[in-house]
């Protein structure tokens, strides 16, 4: 399965599909980034603006880019994972469905496709869209408990 990051991500019990959405991402040097908790590792990232950090490439594997989105107190609200343009939406949906169960929703419109899983605490989305000749594949992990 193509996980958002090369490390183990499952911080939840696998008892039922709604409980399996992960909230913890393991990054380099044994560090963890947890949704809803302060981002404690700015030294592992490049600061984009007051609430956005991009992890340095040596800190993870499996994604081309990982961004950490925080609130003004640096609490992690979401994580964005961008993948190589060779990653296929249908295969990723199938892979995640094996662990998370059927998606809560799937939407397609024009050049954009989206599948998501949600359990009241966390939303995990796969998003694919086409811009000109380029295909963008990303996922977003969002903390629903601390939405702005």
Protein backbone atom coordinates (compact mmCIF):
# COMPACT_ATOMS: atom_id res chain seq x y z
CA UNK A 1 0.00 0.00 0.00
CA UNK A 2 1.27 3.48 -0.86
CA UNK A 3 1.17 5.22 2.50
CA UNK A 4 1.48 9.00 2.68
CA UNK A 5 4.93 8.63 4.20
CA UNK A 6 7.49 5.83 4.06
CA UNK A 7 7.23 5.14 7.79
CA UNK A 8 4.51 3.45 9.81
CA UNK A 9 1.54 5.75 10.09
CA UNK A 10 -1.12 3.84 11.96
CA UNK A 11 -1.65 5.45 15.34
CA UNK A 12 -5.15 4.04 15.82
CA UNK A 13 -6.62 0.62 16.51
CA UNK A 14 -7.55 -1.45 13.46
CA UNK A 15 -10.71 -2.76 15.16
CA UNK A 16 -13.22 -1.13 12.80
CA UNK A 17 -12.73 0.86 9.59
CA UNK A 18 -13.89 4.11 11.23
CA UNK A 19 -11.22 3.71 13.92
CA UNK A 20 -8.31 3.07 11.58
CA UNK A 21 -7.75 6.56 10.23
CA UNK A 22 -4.28 7.48 11.42
CA UNK A 23 -3.49 10.66 13.35
CA UNK A 24 0.26 10.15 13.75
CA UNK A 25 2.97 10.42 11.09
CA UNK A 26 6.46 9.12 11.81
CA UNK A 27 9.22 11.20 10.28
CA UNK A 28 13.00 11.05 10.35
CA UNK A 29 15.02 10.48 13.47
CA UNK A 30 12.15 8.76 15.31
CA UNK A 31 10.00 11.91 15.53
CA UNK A 32 6.20 11.89 15.33
CA UNK A 33 3.85 14.58 14.08
CA UNK A 34 0.41 14.26 15.70
CA UNK A 35 -2.78 15.92 14.59
CA UNK A 36 -4.16 18.31 17.21
CA UNK A 37 -0.82 18.65 19.03
CA UNK A 38 1.86 21.33 18.70
CA UNK A 39 4.35 20.95 15.84
CA UNK A 40 7.51 20.39 17.84
CA UNK A 41 10.03 19.87 15.05
CA UNK A 42 10.40 23.07 13.03
CA UNK A 43 14.09 22.16 12.60
CA UNK A 44 12.91 19.30 10.32
CA UNK A 45 11.04 21.75 8.07
CA UNK A 46 11.30 24.88 6.02
CA UNK A 47 8.88 27.57 7.16
CA UNK A 48 6.58 28.69 4.32
CA UNK A 49 4.58 31.24 6.33
CA UNK A 50 3.33 31.73 9.91
CA UNK A 51 1.24 28.53 9.86
CA UNK A 52 2.77 26.34 7.11
CA UNK A 53 5.92 24.21 7.17
CA UNK A 54 7.36 21.94 4.49
CA UNK A 55 9.32 18.95 5.75
CA UNK A 56 12.87 18.65 4.47
CA UNK A 57 13.31 15.75 2.05
CA UNK A 58 15.69 13.75 4.25
CA UNK A 59 12.97 13.40 6.93
CA UNK A 60 10.52 11.12 5.09
CA UNK A 61 9.98 8.77 2.18
CA UNK A 62 7.05 7.77 -0.01
CA UNK A 63 5.83 11.27 -0.89
CA UNK A 64 7.41 14.00 -2.99
CA UNK A 65 6.45 16.67 -0.46
CA UNK A 66 4.84 16.89 2.98
CA UNK A 67 3.45 20.14 4.34
CA UNK A 68 2.38 20.69 7.94
CA UNK A 69 -0.51 23.16 8.37
CA UNK A 70 -0.87 24.65 11.85
CA UNK A 71 -2.87 27.26 13.71
CA UNK A 72 -1.26 30.36 15.24
CA UNK A 73 -0.25 28.31 18.31
CA UNK A 74 1.53 25.78 15.99
CA UNK A 75 -1.08 23.05 16.70
CA UNK A 76 -1.14 20.64 13.71
CA UNK A 77 -4.45 21.02 11.87
CA UNK A 78 -3.60 19.12 8.69
CA UNK A 79 -0.85 17.36 6.78
CA UNK A 80 -0.62 17.51 2.97
CA UNK A 81 1.22 14.79 1.06
CA UNK A 82 2.06 15.26 -2.61
CA UNK A 83 3.03 12.24 -4.72
CA UNK A 84 4.83 11.63 -8.00
CA UNK A 85 2.64 12.09 -11.06
CA UNK A 86 2.98 8.35 -11.75
CA UNK A 87 0.82 7.58 -8.70
CA UNK A 88 -2.67 6.44 -9.71
CA UNK A 89 -5.82 7.54 -7.94
CA UNK A 90 -7.74 4.28 -8.45
CA UNK A 91 -4.89 2.16 -7.07
CA UNK A 92 -4.49 4.37 -4.00
CA UNK A 93 -8.24 4.27 -3.29
CA UNK A 94 -8.16 0.49 -3.60
CA UNK A 95 -5.10 0.20 -1.34
CA UNK A 96 -6.58 2.39 1.39
CA UNK A 97 -9.98 0.69 1.17
CA UNK A 98 -8.27 -2.56 2.24
CA UNK A 99 -7.37 -0.97 5.59
CA UNK A 100 -9.89 1.84 6.05
CA UNK A 101 -12.93 0.19 4.47
CA UNK A 102 -15.05 1.76 1.77
CA UNK A 103 -14.58 5.52 1.43
CA UNK A 104 -17.08 7.73 3.20
CA UNK A 105 -17.47 9.54 -0.11
CA UNK A 106 -16.15 9.67 -3.68
CA UNK A 107 -16.63 12.69 -5.92
CA UNK A 108 -15.60 13.38 -9.50
CA UNK A 109 -16.08 16.51 -11.55
CA UNK A 110 -14.32 17.50 -14.74
CA UNK A 111 -10.62 17.09 -14.16
CA UNK A 112 -10.81 16.47 -10.39
CA UNK A 113 -11.40 13.27 -8.41
CA UNK A 114 -11.65 12.94 -4.64
CA UNK A 115 -12.19 10.08 -2.18
CA UNK A 116 -12.32 10.52 1.56
CA UNK A 117 -12.65 8.60 4.80
CA UNK A 118 -13.99 10.32 7.91
CA UNK A 119 -14.69 9.19 11.48
CA UNK A 120 -15.70 12.36 13.34
CA UNK A 121 -12.15 13.00 14.61
CA UNK A 122 -10.14 12.75 11.42
CA UNK A 123 -10.62 13.08 7.67
CA UNK A 124 -8.25 11.44 5.19
CA UNK A 125 -8.65 12.53 1.57
CA UNK A 126 -7.12 11.43 -1.71
CA UNK A 127 -7.31 14.13 -4.37
CA UNK A 128 -6.31 13.93 -8.03
CA UNK A 129 -6.63 16.71 -10.57
CA UNK A 130 -5.30 17.62 -13.99
CA UNK A 131 -3.86 21.02 -14.85
CA UNK A 132 -2.94 21.24 -18.52
CA UNK A 133 -0.66 18.26 -19.21
CA UNK A 134 0.16 17.74 -15.53
CA UNK A 135 -1.57 15.38 -13.12
CA UNK A 136 -1.38 16.18 -9.40
CA UNK A 137 -1.92 13.46 -6.80
CA UNK A 138 -2.08 14.35 -3.13
CA UNK A 139 -3.63 13.34 0.14
CA UNK A 140 -4.66 15.42 3.12
CA UNK A 141 -4.99 14.33 6.71
CA UNK A 142 -7.19 16.77 8.67
CA UNK A 143 -7.92 17.06 12.38
CA UNK A 144 -11.69 17.59 12.62
CA UNK A 145 -11.53 18.27 16.36
CA UNK A 146 -9.53 21.49 16.00
CA UNK A 147 -10.85 23.07 12.83
CA UNK A 148 -10.51 26.83 12.55
